[in-house]
Amino acid sequence: MNNDSRRDFIKKAAIAAAGVTIVPRHVLGGSGFRAPSDMLQVASIGVGGMGGSDVNKIFQSNKANIAYLCDVDKARAKNSVEKFPKAKFYTDFREMLDKEAQHIDAVSISTPDHNHAIQTLAAMELGKHVYVQKPLAHDVWEARALTHAAKKYKVVTQMGNQGASGDGVRQMREWIDAGLIGDLVEVYAWTDRPVWPQGIAWPSQKAAIPSTLDWDKWLGTAPYTEYFDKLVPFNWRGWWPYGTGALGDMGCHNLEAPFSIYGLQYVKDVQASVGSVYVDEFKRGYFPESCPPSSAVTMTFPKTAKTKGDVKVHWMDGGIQPPRPDELGANEKFGDGGNGILIIGTKGKVLADTYAANPRLLPTTKQYKKVAEKYQRVPGGSNGHWAQWVEGCLAGYGNMEMSSPFEIAGPLTEALLMANLAIRGADLKIDNKYPGRSLKLLWDNTNMRVTNFDEANQFVKRTYRPGWEVNYTF
């Protein structure tokens, strides 16, 4: 082969090679193919019940690969393990993160409240994006730490209060921005929960630990105690060592809309009253480990750019509801019957159901001016909450707006946990009296302390079980 022939051969070979390498990967894979490099590699901690639902919703984004599953209860994890047979299964999140961190992009966490912070911090410290079920944390200090850590580690975050992605909250914001209800006066939110036992004695009869459950790992950060029946998988919500009661369960759903619309942040004071259980004539039961059967809380938030002054937010649970607005027809549902949100302004009122769904201006018989759609809707609404997080993770930190990032979800959770602090303070028995029941707790936000009832400060940050400490430096 002469030099000209050789040069011609090399040129043609180079062109042919270039032609092969520039064919898009999705073309080679066929219609609908997505290259592995385009998929979010997700590890899920807690994959039964709500965790299983979260895993499925993330997978349904069609842009996430469920690569790892972790659960302390193999029986609860069974459905997810069968649905994602290629996902490697672990029972210890610490082992999973230690061994697989380099293969993980993001972590979803759907475990009992008391273990949210330790698992979320472990993931964020490794630079992993996180999706965390509500409430974000168990204690006030934990919520503050997770909010701070999200900025420090520059990860994409989302809390699992899917109503934040719904059309309802955006419609409400547009009405309020347009001045249809005037200046904010006050807010009410309520729930018919708990739908699990509360206001009960700590069980004295212990039970055998199910063979599929790793009890020690389920306890995690909580003090060690013997296993008792019906705690797992649902009723832990009503026990203070593990759950945050009806307020923790539903507050992040029903208070998200007014919180985000008006830019509320940290409370300045809070007061609570709680339902009592009498075990005999004039004998009040004392159940310090159990959340009360019902509660009513009033939180005061400082003035924001969208309010004329301080804001009063009222919360009620256990079936307690605020007075029906006069503008609501006698046969019209108040909220959705069991849950609701009522925002009262100087010119009008907005009523909505759980998750801020089905918002309506009161009275519903009045004709209101049409307000243009101002805020972009999330594709799929509330059901698009998980896919939004996946898209945000793929886009990278700071490149896409989330509906419930920790910068919003953290202060929201912290406010609700402050309300819980008041509930626990009101239910605190000291020298056979309940001194916290008649107090308004004053909050030093900078130092995270109640300034006028020191006994309540024990609930700001709990003591962790040795070996399960949550450590973070601000």
Protein backbone atom coordinates (compact mmCIF):
# COMPACT_ATOMS: atom_id res chain seq x y z
CA MET A 1 0.00 0.00 0.00
CA ASN A 2 1.49 3.35 -1.06
CA ASN A 3 1.42 6.46 1.12
CA ASP A 4 -1.64 7.97 -0.64
CA SER A 5 -3.60 4.72 -0.28
CA ARG A 6 -2.60 4.44 3.38
CA ARG A 7 -3.73 8.01 4.11
CA ASP A 8 -7.03 7.40 2.34
CA PHE A 9 -7.58 4.17 4.31
CA ILE A 10 -6.86 5.86 7.67
CA LYS A 11 -9.17 8.77 6.81
CA LYS A 12 -12.04 6.44 5.91
CA ALA A 13 -11.49 4.32 9.04
CA ALA A 14 -11.51 7.42 11.23
CA ILE A 15 -14.75 8.64 9.67
CA ALA A 16 -16.34 5.23 10.16
CA ALA A 17 -15.22 5.09 13.81
CA ALA A 18 -16.53 8.60 14.46
CA GLY A 19 -19.85 7.62 12.94
CA VAL A 20 -20.19 4.74 15.39
CA THR A 21 -19.32 6.75 18.48
CA ILE A 22 -21.67 9.64 17.83
CA VAL A 23 -24.82 7.50 17.54
CA PRO A 24 -26.94 8.44 20.60
CA ARG A 25 -27.06 5.74 23.23
CA HIS A 26 -30.86 5.78 23.33
CA VAL A 27 -30.95 5.01 19.60
CA LEU A 28 -28.83 1.91 20.11
CA GLY A 29 -31.07 0.83 22.97
CA GLY A 30 -34.31 1.26 21.08
CA SER A 31 -37.44 3.28 21.81
CA GLY A 32 -37.82 4.23 25.46
CA PHE A 33 -34.29 3.18 26.38
CA ARG A 34 -32.52 5.31 28.97
CA ALA A 35 -28.80 4.94 29.46
CA PRO A 36 -27.75 3.90 32.99
CA SER A 37 -25.81 7.15 33.31
CA ASP A 38 -29.10 9.05 32.86
CA MET A 39 -30.84 7.21 35.71
CA LEU A 40 -30.80 8.27 39.36
CA GLN A 41 -29.37 5.46 41.48
CA VAL A 42 -31.58 5.32 44.58
CA ALA A 43 -31.18 3.56 47.91
CA SER A 44 -34.35 3.33 50.00
CA ILE A 45 -34.39 3.01 53.79
CA GLY A 46 -37.73 1.74 55.06
CA VAL A 47 -39.53 0.00 52.20
CA GLY A 48 -42.76 -1.35 53.72
CA GLY A 49 -46.05 0.51 54.09
CA MET A 50 -45.53 4.18 53.22
CA GLY A 51 -41.92 3.35 52.38
CA GLY A 52 -43.09 0.88 49.76
CA SER A 53 -45.34 3.55 48.29
CA ASP A 54 -42.44 6.02 48.18
CA VAL A 55 -40.21 3.50 46.41
CA ASN A 56 -42.89 2.84 43.80
CA LYS A 57 -43.55 6.54 43.20
CA ILE A 58 -39.84 7.21 42.75
CA PHE A 59 -39.55 4.28 40.34
CA GLN A 60 -42.60 5.47 38.37
CA SER A 61 -40.71 8.65 37.46
CA ASN A 62 -38.99 6.41 34.86
CA LYS A 63 -35.74 8.15 35.66
CA ALA A 64 -34.73 6.29 38.82
CA ASN A 65 -33.23 2.88 39.36
CA ILE A 66 -34.05 1.31 42.72
CA ALA A 67 -30.57 -0.05 43.36
CA TYR A 68 -30.66 -0.80 47.10
CA LEU A 69 -33.36 -1.59 49.63
CA CYS A 70 -32.98 -1.46 53.39
CA ASP A 71 -35.46 -2.44 56.09
CA VAL A 72 -35.20 -3.87 59.60
CA ASP A 73 -38.38 -5.91 59.03
CA LYS A 74 -38.06 -8.51 56.28
CA ALA A 75 -41.77 -9.29 56.34
CA ARG A 76 -42.69 -5.64 55.75
CA ALA A 77 -40.05 -5.37 53.02
CA LYS A 78 -41.26 -8.47 51.18
CA ASN A 79 -43.37 -6.73 48.51
CA SER A 80 -40.64 -4.23 47.63
CA VAL A 81 -37.98 -6.95 47.50
CA GLU A 82 -40.14 -8.99 45.12
CA LYS A 83 -40.91 -5.98 42.93
CA PHE A 84 -37.26 -4.95 42.66
CA PRO A 85 -35.38 -8.26 42.59
CA LYS A 86 -32.18 -6.68 41.26
CA ALA A 87 -31.93 -4.31 44.22
CA LYS A 88 -29.47 -5.47 46.86
CA PHE A 89 -31.13 -5.82 50.26
CA TYR A 90 -29.76 -4.72 53.62
CA THR A 91 -31.15 -4.61 57.16
CA ASP A 92 -28.66 -2.00 58.44
CA PHE A 93 -28.60 1.40 56.72
CA ARG A 94 -25.12 2.06 58.12
CA GLU A 95 -23.70 -1.03 56.44
CA MET A 96 -25.46 -0.18 53.18
CA LEU A 97 -24.11 3.36 53.06
CA ASP A 98 -20.64 2.23 54.09
CA LYS A 99 -20.40 -0.45 51.39
CA GLU A 100 -22.41 1.10 48.55
CA ALA A 101 -21.95 4.87 48.85
CA GLN A 102 -19.99 5.15 45.61
CA HIS A 103 -22.89 3.54 43.69
CA ILE A 104 -25.67 5.66 45.25
CA ASP A 105 -26.87 9.08 44.04
CA ALA A 106 -29.83 9.61 46.34
CA VAL A 107 -31.54 8.11 49.38
CA SER A 108 -35.22 7.93 50.31
CA ILE A 109 -36.04 7.57 54.01
CA SER A 110 -39.44 6.31 55.17
CA THR A 111 -38.84 5.05 58.69
CA PRO A 112 -40.38 5.90 62.09
CA ASP A 113 -39.84 9.52 63.11
CA HIS A 114 -37.21 8.84 65.76
CA ASN A 115 -34.70 7.54 63.21
CA HIS A 116 -35.17 10.16 60.48
CA ALA A 117 -32.36 12.46 61.59
CA ILE A 118 -29.60 9.87 62.02
CA GLN A 119 -30.35 8.30 58.64
CA THR A 120 -30.78 11.58 56.79
CA LEU A 121 -27.58 13.10 58.17
CA ALA A 122 -25.64 9.94 57.32
CA ALA A 123 -26.78 10.23 53.69
CA MET A 124 -26.21 13.98 53.37
CA GLU A 125 -22.72 13.76 54.87
CA LEU A 126 -21.88 11.46 51.96
CA GLY A 127 -23.23 14.04 49.51
CA LYS A 128 -26.39 12.10 48.69
CA HIS A 129 -29.67 13.79 47.79
CA VAL A 130 -32.48 12.88 50.20
CA TYR A 131 -36.24 12.38 50.18
CA VAL A 132 -37.54 12.12 53.75
CA GLN A 133 -41.04 11.28 54.94
CA LYS A 134 -42.83 13.79 57.13
CA PRO A 135 -42.24 14.99 59.74
CA LEU A 136 -38.63 15.71 58.87
CA ALA A 137 -37.41 14.92 62.39
CA HIS A 138 -38.48 13.93 65.89
CA ASP A 139 -37.08 16.88 67.88
CA VAL A 140 -36.67 20.62 67.41
CA TRP A 141 -32.87 20.38 67.44
CA GLU A 142 -32.89 17.66 64.78
CA ALA A 143 -35.06 19.74 62.44
CA ARG A 144 -32.68 22.68 62.80
CA ALA A 145 -29.66 20.43 62.16
CA LEU A 146 -31.12 18.89 58.99
CA THR A 147 -32.05 22.31 57.62
CA HIS A 148 -28.52 23.55 58.19
CA ALA A 149 -26.91 20.38 56.80
CA ALA A 150 -28.85 20.55 53.53
CA LYS A 151 -27.19 23.87 52.73
CA LYS A 152 -23.82 22.76 54.02
CA TYR A 153 -23.66 19.62 51.87
CA LYS A 154 -25.47 21.17 48.87
CA VAL A 155 -27.84 18.28 48.21
CA VAL A 156 -31.33 18.25 46.70
CA THR A 157 -33.94 17.68 49.40
CA GLN A 158 -37.65 17.01 49.57
CA MET A 159 -39.96 16.18 52.48
CA GLY A 160 -42.80 13.76 51.89
CA ASN A 161 -45.72 16.18 52.25
CA GLN A 162 -46.94 15.72 48.71
CA GLY A 163 -49.65 18.38 48.96
CA ALA A 164 -46.84 20.92 48.57
CA SER A 165 -46.71 19.88 44.90
CA GLY A 166 -50.48 20.05 44.46
CA ASP A 167 -52.43 22.58 42.43
CA GLY A 168 -54.41 23.61 45.52
CA VAL A 169 -51.65 25.48 47.32
CA ARG A 170 -50.73 27.32 44.12
CA GLN A 171 -54.34 28.33 43.53
CA MET A 172 -54.58 29.59 47.11
CA ARG A 173 -51.36 31.58 46.72
CA GLU A 174 -52.67 33.21 43.54
CA TRP A 175 -55.94 34.24 45.24
CA ILE A 176 -54.10 35.63 48.25
CA ASP A 177 -51.53 37.46 46.12
CA ALA A 178 -54.42 39.03 44.19
CA GLY A 179 -55.82 40.38 47.45
CA LEU A 180 -59.10 38.42 47.35
CA ILE A 181 -59.13 37.85 51.12
CA GLY A 182 -57.25 41.01 52.15
CA ASP A 183 -54.64 40.99 54.91
CA LEU A 184 -54.10 37.85 56.96
CA VAL A 185 -55.90 37.72 60.32
CA GLU A 186 -55.34 34.13 61.50
CA VAL A 187 -55.06 30.49 60.39
CA TYR A 188 -56.77 27.30 61.55
CA ALA A 189 -55.83 23.72 60.68
CA TRP A 190 -57.24 20.50 62.11
CA THR A 191 -57.36 16.72 61.83
CA ASP A 192 -59.50 13.88 63.09
CA ARG A 193 -56.36 11.89 63.84
CA PRO A 194 -55.02 10.03 65.80
CA VAL A 195 -56.37 6.86 64.24
CA TRP A 196 -54.15 4.81 66.57
CA PRO A 197 -54.25 4.56 70.39
CA GLN A 198 -53.13 7.61 72.38
CA GLY A 199 -53.63 8.65 75.99
CA ILE A 200 -52.93 5.12 77.22
CA ALA A 201 -50.59 3.44 79.67
CA TRP A 202 -47.27 1.94 78.60
CA PRO A 203 -47.93 -1.79 78.07
CA SER A 204 -46.82 -3.96 80.96
CA GLN A 205 -47.15 -7.21 79.06
CA LYS A 206 -44.27 -7.88 76.71
CA ALA A 207 -44.45 -9.95 73.54
CA ALA A 208 -42.17 -12.15 71.49
CA ILE A 209 -40.16 -10.27 68.88
CA PRO A 210 -41.25 -11.36 65.37
CA SER A 211 -38.57 -13.49 63.74
CA THR A 212 -38.49 -11.17 60.73
CA LEU A 213 -37.85 -8.03 62.79
CA ASP A 214 -34.46 -6.76 63.97
CA TRP A 215 -35.74 -5.07 67.12
CA ASP A 216 -32.45 -3.47 68.13
CA LYS A 217 -32.08 -1.74 64.76
CA TRP A 218 -35.75 -0.71 64.78
CA LEU A 219 -35.19 1.01 68.14
CA GLY A 220 -32.15 2.80 66.74
CA THR A 221 -31.80 6.11 68.55
CA ALA A 222 -34.57 5.38 71.09
CA PRO A 223 -33.91 3.99 74.61
CA TYR A 224 -33.86 0.24 74.82
CA THR A 225 -37.13 -1.36 75.95
CA GLU A 226 -38.68 -4.77 75.63
CA TYR A 227 -40.82 -5.35 72.57
CA PHE A 228 -44.59 -5.14 73.02
CA ASP A 229 -47.41 -6.12 70.72
CA LYS A 230 -48.91 -3.77 68.10
CA LEU A 231 -46.16 -1.18 68.38
CA VAL A 232 -44.86 -2.12 64.93
CA PRO A 233 -45.69 -1.33 62.18
CA PHE A 234 -48.22 1.47 62.84
CA ASN A 235 -49.02 2.37 66.44
CA TRP A 236 -45.54 3.72 67.26
CA ARG A 237 -46.92 7.08 66.09
CA GLY A 238 -48.70 7.55 69.42
CA TRP A 239 -45.64 6.96 71.63
CA TRP A 240 -43.29 9.88 72.32
CA PRO A 241 -40.04 7.84 72.21
CA TYR A 242 -40.76 7.01 68.55
CA GLY A 243 -43.50 9.20 67.10
CA THR A 244 -44.78 12.77 67.12
CA GLY A 245 -48.51 12.17 67.47
CA ALA A 246 -51.31 13.50 65.30
CA LEU A 247 -49.56 16.85 64.91
CA GLY A 248 -46.41 15.27 63.50
CA ASP A 249 -48.44 12.98 61.28
CA MET A 250 -50.78 15.55 59.72
CA GLY A 251 -49.40 19.00 60.56
CA CYS A 252 -46.87 18.92 57.71
CA HIS A 253 -49.78 18.31 55.33
CA ASN A 254 -52.37 20.73 56.67
CA LEU A 255 -50.13 23.63 57.68
CA GLU A 256 -47.78 23.60 54.68
CA ALA A 257 -50.00 25.87 52.56
CA PRO A 258 -50.33 28.80 54.98
CA PHE A 259 -46.72 28.34 56.06
CA SER A 260 -45.29 28.59 52.54
CA ILE A 261 -47.78 31.15 51.21
CA TYR A 262 -47.05 33.66 53.95
CA GLY A 263 -43.35 32.84 54.39
CA LEU A 264 -43.68 31.86 58.05
CA GLN A 265 -40.52 30.74 59.82
CA TYR A 266 -39.89 30.15 63.51
CA VAL A 267 -42.43 30.57 66.30
CA LYS A 268 -42.00 33.22 68.98
CA ASP A 269 -44.43 31.68 71.47
CA VAL A 270 -46.75 28.69 71.75
CA GLN A 271 -49.47 27.51 74.11
CA ALA A 272 -51.30 24.21 74.27
CA SER A 273 -54.19 22.46 75.96
CA VAL A 274 -54.55 18.68 75.94
CA GLY A 275 -57.31 16.17 76.49
CA SER A 276 -57.27 14.24 79.77
CA VAL A 277 -58.13 10.61 80.43
CA TYR A 278 -59.71 9.76 83.78
CA VAL A 279 -59.09 6.24 85.08
CA ASP A 280 -61.39 6.58 88.10
CA GLU A 281 -63.56 9.13 89.85
CA PHE A 282 -61.59 12.40 89.95
CA LYS A 283 -58.44 10.41 89.15
CA ARG A 284 -56.65 11.64 86.07
CA GLY A 285 -54.44 9.10 84.32
CA TYR A 286 -50.82 10.01 83.79
CA PHE A 287 -49.25 8.53 80.69
CA PRO A 288 -46.02 10.46 79.97
CA GLU A 289 -44.85 8.10 77.20
CA SER A 290 -48.12 8.42 75.28
CA CYS A 291 -49.26 11.36 73.17
CA PRO A 292 -52.55 12.80 74.48
CA PRO A 293 -55.89 11.80 72.91
CA SER A 294 -56.47 15.34 71.64
CA SER A 295 -54.84 18.74 71.71
CA ALA A 296 -55.30 22.36 70.72
CA VAL A 297 -52.31 24.62 70.10
CA THR A 298 -51.85 28.29 69.26
CA MET A 299 -48.54 29.38 67.74
CA THR A 300 -47.46 32.98 67.21
CA PHE A 301 -45.17 33.69 64.26
CA PRO A 302 -43.33 36.97 63.73
CA LYS A 303 -44.41 39.36 60.99
CA THR A 304 -43.28 38.46 57.47
CA ALA A 305 -43.07 40.39 54.21
CA LYS A 306 -46.60 39.14 53.41
CA THR A 307 -48.29 40.00 56.71
CA LYS A 308 -49.13 43.21 58.51
CA GLY A 309 -48.06 41.89 61.90
CA ASP A 310 -47.56 38.75 63.97
CA VAL A 311 -49.54 35.71 62.83
CA LYS A 312 -51.66 33.41 65.01
CA VAL A 313 -51.86 29.81 63.80
CA HIS A 314 -54.27 27.43 65.55
CA TRP A 315 -53.95 23.65 65.41
CA MET A 316 -56.52 21.10 66.64
CA ASP A 317 -56.53 17.30 66.59
CA GLY A 318 -58.40 14.35 68.01
CA GLY A 319 -61.61 15.40 66.26
CA ILE A 320 -61.66 18.95 67.64
CA GLN A 321 -62.55 21.57 65.05
CA PRO A 322 -62.72 25.36 65.09
CA PRO A 323 -66.10 27.12 64.87
CA ARG A 324 -67.69 26.89 61.44
CA PRO A 325 -67.41 30.13 59.47
CA ASP A 326 -70.71 31.98 59.13
CA GLU A 327 -70.14 32.08 55.36
CA LEU A 328 -70.19 28.27 55.12
CA GLY A 329 -73.56 26.83 54.18
CA ALA A 330 -75.30 24.58 56.70
CA ASN A 331 -74.92 21.52 54.48
CA GLU A 332 -71.45 22.32 53.15
CA LYS A 333 -68.53 20.26 54.42
CA PHE A 334 -66.12 21.98 56.76
CA GLY A 335 -62.81 21.00 55.16
CA ASP A 336 -63.19 17.42 54.02
CA GLY A 337 -65.15 16.43 57.10
CA GLY A 338 -62.22 15.26 59.21
CA ASN A 339 -59.35 17.54 58.16
CA GLY A 340 -59.14 21.08 56.93
CA ILE A 341 -57.42 24.43 56.53
CA LEU A 342 -59.07 27.80 57.08
CA ILE A 343 -57.26 31.06 56.28
CA ILE A 344 -59.06 34.17 57.51
CA GLY A 345 -58.36 37.57 55.99
CA THR A 346 -59.75 41.04 56.47
CA LYS A 347 -61.86 40.74 53.30
CA GLY A 348 -62.59 37.03 53.01
CA LYS A 349 -61.71 33.43 53.82
CA VAL A 350 -60.19 30.42 52.06
CA LEU A 351 -61.16 26.88 53.03
CA ALA A 352 -59.37 23.72 51.84
CA ASP A 353 -59.23 19.98 52.46
CA THR A 354 -56.29 17.80 53.47
CA TYR A 355 -53.12 18.54 51.45
CA ALA A 356 -54.66 21.95 50.55
CA ALA A 357 -56.82 20.13 48.01
CA ASN A 358 -60.12 21.54 46.76
CA PRO A 359 -59.59 25.16 47.88
CA ARG A 360 -62.61 27.46 47.79
CA LEU A 361 -63.30 31.04 48.65
CA LEU A 362 -66.11 31.67 51.15
CA PRO A 363 -68.93 32.07 50.65
CA THR A 364 -68.91 29.63 47.76
CA THR A 365 -72.07 31.22 46.35
CA LYS A 366 -70.33 34.54 45.68
CA GLN A 367 -68.85 35.41 42.30
CA TYR A 368 -65.15 36.31 42.49
CA LYS A 369 -62.95 37.95 39.91
CA LYS A 370 -60.89 35.53 37.88
CA VAL A 371 -57.23 35.40 38.80
CA ALA A 372 -54.65 34.47 36.18
CA GLU A 373 -52.48 31.41 36.74
CA LYS A 374 -49.24 32.80 38.09
CA TYR A 375 -47.35 29.85 39.56
CA GLN A 376 -46.18 26.94 37.47
CA ARG A 377 -47.93 23.67 38.29
CA VAL A 378 -46.01 20.52 39.08
CA PRO A 379 -46.67 17.85 36.42
CA GLY A 380 -49.01 15.35 38.03
CA GLY A 381 -49.81 17.67 40.94
CA SER A 382 -49.47 15.95 44.32
CA ASN A 383 -48.69 12.68 42.57
CA GLY A 384 -45.75 14.37 40.84
CA HIS A 385 -44.02 15.17 44.15
CA TRP A 386 -41.62 12.20 43.92
CA ALA A 387 -40.82 12.64 40.23
CA GLN A 388 -40.07 16.31 40.89
CA TRP A 389 -37.42 15.26 43.42
CA VAL A 390 -35.92 12.77 40.96
CA GLU A 391 -35.73 15.45 38.27
CA GLY A 392 -34.16 17.85 40.76
CA CYS A 393 -31.52 15.32 41.74
CA LEU A 394 -30.61 14.71 38.10
CA ALA A 395 -30.47 18.47 37.47
CA GLY A 396 -28.19 19.00 40.45
CA TYR A 397 -28.27 21.19 43.54
CA GLY A 398 -29.66 24.67 42.96
CA ASN A 399 -30.79 24.04 39.38
CA MET A 400 -34.46 23.23 39.94
CA GLU A 401 -37.09 24.42 42.39
CA MET A 402 -38.47 21.83 44.82
CA SER A 403 -41.91 22.02 46.41
CA SER A 404 -40.78 21.07 49.92
CA PRO A 405 -36.99 21.50 50.23
CA PHE A 406 -35.53 21.50 53.71
CA GLU A 407 -35.25 25.29 53.65
CA ILE A 408 -39.08 25.26 53.84
CA ALA A 409 -39.75 21.83 55.33
CA GLY A 410 -37.19 22.30 58.11
CA PRO A 411 -38.70 25.44 59.67
CA LEU A 412 -42.21 24.00 59.13
CA THR A 413 -41.28 20.81 60.96
CA GLU A 414 -39.51 22.76 63.66
CA ALA A 415 -42.61 24.89 64.29
CA LEU A 416 -44.75 21.78 64.63
CA LEU A 417 -42.25 20.18 66.98
CA MET A 418 -42.31 23.38 69.03
CA ALA A 419 -46.07 22.87 69.26
CA ASN A 420 -45.42 19.31 70.40
CA LEU A 421 -43.00 20.67 72.97
CA ALA A 422 -45.86 22.77 74.36
CA ILE A 423 -48.17 19.73 74.30
CA ARG A 424 -45.64 17.69 76.27
CA GLY A 425 -45.03 20.61 78.61
CA ALA A 426 -48.77 20.93 79.26
CA ASP A 427 -48.94 17.21 80.04
CA LEU A 428 -45.89 17.24 82.33
CA LYS A 429 -46.65 16.27 85.93
CA ILE A 430 -44.40 17.88 88.57
CA ASP A 431 -45.07 17.47 92.30
CA ASN A 432 -48.50 16.11 91.47
CA LYS A 433 -49.38 19.24 89.50
CA TYR A 434 -49.38 20.28 85.84
CA PRO A 435 -47.65 23.68 85.86
CA GLY A 436 -47.21 23.83 82.08
CA ARG A 437 -50.96 23.74 81.40
CA SER A 438 -51.50 27.39 82.21
CA LEU A 439 -48.45 28.81 80.42
CA LYS A 440 -47.57 30.41 77.13
CA LEU A 441 -44.07 29.18 76.31
CA LEU A 442 -41.71 31.91 75.15
CA TRP A 443 -39.12 30.77 72.62
CA ASP A 444 -35.54 32.00 72.23
CA ASN A 445 -35.05 30.95 68.63
CA THR A 446 -31.33 31.70 68.43
CA ASN A 447 -30.45 29.53 71.41
CA MET A 448 -33.31 27.06 70.91
CA ARG A 449 -34.62 27.40 74.45
CA VAL A 450 -37.89 28.04 76.24
CA THR A 451 -37.16 30.99 78.49
CA ASN A 452 -40.01 30.76 81.01
CA PHE A 453 -40.50 27.03 81.68
CA ASP A 454 -37.16 25.25 81.82
CA GLU A 455 -38.72 21.82 82.33
CA ALA A 456 -39.89 21.89 78.70
CA ASN A 457 -36.34 22.21 77.36
CA GLN A 458 -35.69 18.51 77.92
CA PHE A 459 -37.79 17.92 74.80
CA VAL A 460 -35.78 20.23 72.52
CA LYS A 461 -33.12 17.56 72.08
CA ARG A 462 -33.50 14.09 73.53
CA THR A 463 -30.81 11.81 74.90
CA TYR A 464 -29.82 9.18 72.36
CA ARG A 465 -29.10 5.52 73.01
CA PRO A 466 -25.34 4.85 73.22
CA GLY A 467 -24.01 3.94 69.79
CA TRP A 468 -26.91 5.72 68.06
CA GLU A 469 -26.07 9.35 68.79
CA VAL A 470 -27.00 12.06 66.31
CA ASN A 471 -24.02 14.41 66.11
CA TYR A 472 -23.94 17.65 64.17
CA THR A 473 -22.03 20.91 64.55
CA PHE A 474 -23.67 24.09 63.26
